[in-house]
Amino acid sequence: MAYWYTEEGEDGAEQYLNDNNIKYEWVNNAVSMMYVWNEHGKQYIYWPSTGRWRARYSHSNTTYRSKGGEDFHKRFLNNVWKEKEKDNADSK
């Protein structure tokens, strides 16, 4: 099995999140793991070293892959929520 690692690292992820005013918190006693909040307050777990992420309070332990902090932010962080809002508006 091949493993995927980003070239970003913890400092790069933290810098990107700070530059884009994205709320985050490092998880105590965890290696390279942070909680990240989207613009609607939903929490995600993000691992900067691998680009993996998942919803924090998910019933599934499935993780998804991004190419780094910017990719996670632009493709997933708020877009999942926006798609759900659009689907709800279309069903009315």
N, C-alpha and C. Protein backbone atom coordinates (compact mmCIF):
# COMPACT_ATOMS: atom_id res chain seq x y z
N MET A 1 0.84 -1.18 0.00
CA MET A 1 0.00 0.00 0.00
C MET A 1 0.89 1.25 0.00
N ALA A 2 0.62 2.16 -0.87
CA ALA A 2 1.39 3.40 -0.93
C ALA A 2 0.75 4.44 -0.01
N TYR A 3 1.58 5.18 0.67
CA TYR A 3 1.09 6.23 1.56
C TYR A 3 1.26 7.58 0.90
N TRP A 4 0.38 8.47 1.22
CA TRP A 4 0.34 9.80 0.63
C TRP A 4 0.77 10.80 1.70
N TYR A 5 1.76 11.61 1.41
CA TYR A 5 2.19 12.64 2.33
C TYR A 5 2.20 13.97 1.61
N THR A 6 1.79 15.02 2.33
CA THR A 6 1.86 16.35 1.74
C THR A 6 3.25 16.91 2.03
N GLU A 7 3.64 17.89 1.27
CA GLU A 7 4.92 18.55 1.52
C GLU A 7 4.72 19.77 2.41
N GLU A 8 3.53 19.93 2.91
CA GLU A 8 3.14 21.13 3.64
C GLU A 8 3.66 21.13 5.08
N GLY A 9 3.47 20.07 5.81
CA GLY A 9 3.89 20.01 7.21
C GLY A 9 2.98 20.82 8.11
N GLU A 10 3.24 20.73 9.39
CA GLU A 10 2.40 21.41 10.38
C GLU A 10 2.49 22.94 10.27
N ASP A 11 3.71 23.45 10.07
CA ASP A 11 3.88 24.90 9.99
C ASP A 11 3.18 25.49 8.77
N GLY A 12 3.26 24.80 7.64
CA GLY A 12 2.60 25.27 6.43
C GLY A 12 1.09 25.27 6.56
N ALA A 13 0.56 24.22 7.18
CA ALA A 13 -0.89 24.14 7.38
C ALA A 13 -1.36 25.25 8.31
N GLU A 14 -0.63 25.44 9.40
CA GLU A 14 -1.00 26.48 10.36
C GLU A 14 -0.94 27.87 9.73
N GLN A 15 0.09 28.12 8.94
CA GLN A 15 0.24 29.41 8.26
C GLN A 15 -0.92 29.64 7.29
N TYR A 16 -1.28 28.62 6.51
CA TYR A 16 -2.39 28.77 5.56
C TYR A 16 -3.70 29.07 6.29
N LEU A 17 -3.98 28.34 7.36
CA LEU A 17 -5.22 28.55 8.11
C LEU A 17 -5.25 29.94 8.72
N ASN A 18 -4.13 30.39 9.28
CA ASN A 18 -4.07 31.75 9.84
C ASN A 18 -4.27 32.81 8.77
N ASP A 19 -3.61 32.63 7.63
CA ASP A 19 -3.72 33.61 6.54
C ASP A 19 -5.14 33.73 6.01
N ASN A 20 -5.93 32.67 6.13
CA ASN A 20 -7.30 32.66 5.60
C ASN A 20 -8.36 32.74 6.70
N ASN A 21 -7.94 33.12 7.89
CA ASN A 21 -8.86 33.30 9.03
C ASN A 21 -9.76 32.10 9.27
N ILE A 22 -9.17 30.92 9.21
CA ILE A 22 -9.91 29.69 9.45
C ILE A 22 -9.61 29.24 10.88
N LYS A 23 -10.67 29.02 11.65
CA LYS A 23 -10.51 28.62 13.04
C LYS A 23 -10.00 27.19 13.11
N TYR A 24 -9.00 26.97 13.95
CA TYR A 24 -8.44 25.63 14.14
C TYR A 24 -7.89 25.50 15.54
N GLU A 25 -7.63 24.28 15.94
CA GLU A 25 -7.04 24.01 17.25
C GLU A 25 -6.23 22.73 17.14
N TRP A 26 -4.98 22.76 17.62
CA TRP A 26 -4.17 21.55 17.64
C TRP A 26 -4.72 20.62 18.71
N VAL A 27 -4.75 19.33 18.44
CA VAL A 27 -5.24 18.34 19.39
C VAL A 27 -4.10 17.97 20.32
N ASN A 28 -4.35 18.11 21.62
CA ASN A 28 -3.33 17.76 22.62
C ASN A 28 -3.01 16.28 22.56
N ASN A 29 -1.75 15.95 22.73
CA ASN A 29 -1.27 14.56 22.79
C ASN A 29 -1.56 13.77 21.52
N ALA A 30 -1.67 14.46 20.41
CA ALA A 30 -1.87 13.78 19.12
C ALA A 30 -0.81 14.28 18.15
N VAL A 31 -0.30 13.39 17.36
CA VAL A 31 0.75 13.77 16.41
C VAL A 31 0.11 14.33 15.15
N SER A 32 0.44 15.58 14.84
CA SER A 32 0.02 16.21 13.59
C SER A 32 -1.48 16.06 13.34
N MET A 33 -2.29 16.48 14.30
CA MET A 33 -3.75 16.38 14.16
C MET A 33 -4.38 17.67 14.68
N MET A 34 -5.30 18.22 13.91
CA MET A 34 -5.95 19.46 14.33
C MET A 34 -7.45 19.39 14.06
N TYR A 35 -8.18 20.16 14.86
CA TYR A 35 -9.60 20.38 14.60
C TYR A 35 -9.70 21.65 13.77
N VAL A 36 -10.54 21.62 12.75
CA VAL A 36 -10.74 22.78 11.88
C VAL A 36 -12.24 23.01 11.77
N TRP A 37 -12.66 24.27 11.89
CA TRP A 37 -14.07 24.62 11.78
C TRP A 37 -14.34 25.27 10.44
N ASN A 38 -15.48 24.92 9.83
CA ASN A 38 -15.85 25.61 8.60
C ASN A 38 -16.65 26.86 8.94
N GLU A 39 -17.10 27.60 7.94
CA GLU A 39 -17.77 28.88 8.18
C GLU A 39 -19.14 28.72 8.83
N HIS A 40 -19.64 27.48 8.93
CA HIS A 40 -20.92 27.23 9.59
C HIS A 40 -20.75 26.61 10.97
N GLY A 41 -19.51 26.47 11.43
CA GLY A 41 -19.25 25.94 12.76
C GLY A 41 -19.09 24.43 12.83
N LYS A 42 -19.18 23.74 11.70
CA LYS A 42 -19.00 22.29 11.70
C LYS A 42 -17.52 21.98 11.86
N GLN A 43 -17.22 20.97 12.68
CA GLN A 43 -15.83 20.63 12.97
C GLN A 43 -15.35 19.45 12.15
N TYR A 44 -14.10 19.55 11.75
CA TYR A 44 -13.43 18.49 11.01
C TYR A 44 -12.12 18.16 11.70
N ILE A 45 -11.65 16.95 11.52
CA ILE A 45 -10.32 16.56 11.95
C ILE A 45 -9.45 16.55 10.71
N TYR A 46 -8.29 17.20 10.81
CA TYR A 46 -7.39 17.31 9.68
C TYR A 46 -5.98 16.90 10.11
N TRP A 47 -5.34 16.07 9.30
CA TRP A 47 -3.96 15.63 9.53
C TRP A 47 -3.08 16.27 8.46
N PRO A 48 -2.34 17.35 8.79
CA PRO A 48 -1.56 18.06 7.78
C PRO A 48 -0.47 17.23 7.12
N SER A 49 0.09 16.28 7.83
CA SER A 49 1.20 15.50 7.26
C SER A 49 0.75 14.63 6.09
N THR A 50 -0.51 14.18 6.13
CA THR A 50 -1.01 13.30 5.07
C THR A 50 -2.12 13.94 4.24
N GLY A 51 -2.69 15.05 4.71
CA GLY A 51 -3.81 15.68 4.00
C GLY A 51 -5.13 14.96 4.23
N ARG A 52 -5.15 13.98 5.10
CA ARG A 52 -6.39 13.26 5.39
C ARG A 52 -7.30 14.11 6.27
N TRP A 53 -8.61 13.89 6.13
CA TRP A 53 -9.58 14.63 6.93
C TRP A 53 -10.86 13.83 7.05
N ARG A 54 -11.67 14.18 8.05
CA ARG A 54 -13.01 13.63 8.21
C ARG A 54 -13.80 14.55 9.13
N ALA A 55 -15.11 14.41 9.12
CA ALA A 55 -15.95 15.17 10.04
C ALA A 55 -15.63 14.71 11.46
N ARG A 56 -15.58 15.63 12.42
CA ARG A 56 -15.18 15.26 13.78
C ARG A 56 -16.19 14.33 14.43
N TYR A 57 -17.44 14.61 14.34
CA TYR A 57 -18.46 13.80 15.00
C TYR A 57 -19.16 12.88 14.00
N SER A 58 -18.40 12.19 13.23
CA SER A 58 -18.93 11.29 12.22
C SER A 58 -19.16 9.91 12.83
N HIS A 59 -20.21 9.23 12.38
CA HIS A 59 -20.46 7.86 12.84
C HIS A 59 -19.54 6.88 12.13
N SER A 60 -18.92 7.34 11.10
CA SER A 60 -18.00 6.52 10.32
C SER A 60 -16.57 6.98 10.58
N ASN A 61 -15.65 6.07 10.55
CA ASN A 61 -14.25 6.45 10.69
C ASN A 61 -13.57 6.64 9.34
N THR A 62 -14.37 6.79 8.30
CA THR A 62 -13.83 6.98 6.96
C THR A 62 -13.11 8.32 6.88
N THR A 63 -11.90 8.29 6.34
CA THR A 63 -11.17 9.52 6.10
C THR A 63 -11.06 9.76 4.60
N TYR A 64 -10.91 11.02 4.25
CA TYR A 64 -10.81 11.42 2.86
C TYR A 64 -9.46 12.09 2.65
N ARG A 65 -9.03 12.18 1.43
CA ARG A 65 -7.70 12.69 1.12
C ARG A 65 -7.77 14.02 0.40
N SER A 66 -6.92 14.94 0.84
CA SER A 66 -6.73 16.20 0.13
C SER A 66 -5.25 16.31 -0.21
N LYS A 67 -4.92 17.29 -1.02
CA LYS A 67 -3.52 17.47 -1.42
C LYS A 67 -2.78 18.42 -0.48
N GLY A 68 -3.46 18.90 0.55
CA GLY A 68 -2.87 19.82 1.52
C GLY A 68 -3.92 20.76 2.06
N GLY A 69 -3.50 21.71 2.88
CA GLY A 69 -4.43 22.63 3.53
C GLY A 69 -5.25 23.47 2.57
N GLU A 70 -4.62 24.00 1.53
CA GLU A 70 -5.35 24.82 0.56
C GLU A 70 -6.38 23.98 -0.19
N ASP A 71 -6.00 22.79 -0.60
CA ASP A 71 -6.91 21.90 -1.31
C ASP A 71 -8.08 21.50 -0.40
N PHE A 72 -7.80 21.16 0.84
CA PHE A 72 -8.85 20.82 1.81
C PHE A 72 -9.82 21.99 1.97
N HIS A 73 -9.29 23.19 2.11
CA HIS A 73 -10.12 24.38 2.29
C HIS A 73 -10.97 24.67 1.06
N LYS A 74 -10.35 24.69 -0.11
CA LYS A 74 -11.06 25.12 -1.31
C LYS A 74 -12.00 24.07 -1.87
N ARG A 75 -11.66 22.78 -1.75
CA ARG A 75 -12.50 21.75 -2.34
C ARG A 75 -13.50 21.13 -1.37
N PHE A 76 -13.20 21.13 -0.07
CA PHE A 76 -14.03 20.35 0.84
C PHE A 76 -14.62 21.13 2.01
N LEU A 77 -13.84 21.95 2.69
CA LEU A 77 -14.23 22.51 3.98
C LEU A 77 -15.61 23.15 3.98
N ASN A 78 -15.89 24.05 3.08
CA ASN A 78 -17.19 24.71 3.03
C ASN A 78 -18.08 24.19 1.90
N ASN A 79 -17.51 23.55 0.91
CA ASN A 79 -18.29 23.10 -0.24
C ASN A 79 -19.27 21.98 0.10
N VAL A 80 -18.91 21.10 1.00
CA VAL A 80 -19.83 20.02 1.39
C VAL A 80 -21.09 20.63 1.97
N TRP A 81 -20.94 21.64 2.82
CA TRP A 81 -22.08 22.29 3.45
C TRP A 81 -22.91 23.03 2.40
N LYS A 82 -22.27 23.72 1.47
CA LYS A 82 -22.97 24.48 0.45
C LYS A 82 -23.79 23.57 -0.46
N GLU A 83 -23.28 22.39 -0.78
CA GLU A 83 -24.02 21.44 -1.60
C GLU A 83 -25.27 20.96 -0.87
N LYS A 84 -25.19 20.73 0.43
CA LYS A 84 -26.36 20.32 1.21
C LYS A 84 -27.40 21.43 1.24
N GLU A 85 -26.95 22.70 1.42
CA GLU A 85 -27.88 23.83 1.41
C GLU A 85 -28.58 23.94 0.07
N LYS A 86 -27.83 23.75 -1.02
CA LYS A 86 -28.40 23.84 -2.37
C LYS A 86 -29.44 22.73 -2.57
N ASP A 87 -29.13 21.50 -2.14
CA ASP A 87 -30.06 20.39 -2.27
C ASP A 87 -31.33 20.65 -1.48
N ASN A 88 -31.21 21.23 -0.28
CA ASN A 88 -32.37 21.53 0.54
C ASN A 88 -33.23 22.61 -0.11
N ALA A 89 -32.59 23.62 -0.71
CA ALA A 89 -33.34 24.70 -1.37
C ALA A 89 -34.06 24.18 -2.63
N ASP A 90 -33.41 23.26 -3.35
CA ASP A 90 -34.01 22.71 -4.56
C ASP A 90 -35.21 21.81 -4.25
N SER A 91 -35.22 21.21 -3.06
CA SER A 91 -36.31 20.28 -2.72
C SER A 91 -37.56 21.00 -2.22
N LYS A 92 -37.48 22.30 -2.00
CA LYS A 92 -38.64 23.06 -1.50
C LYS A 92 -39.56 23.46 -2.60
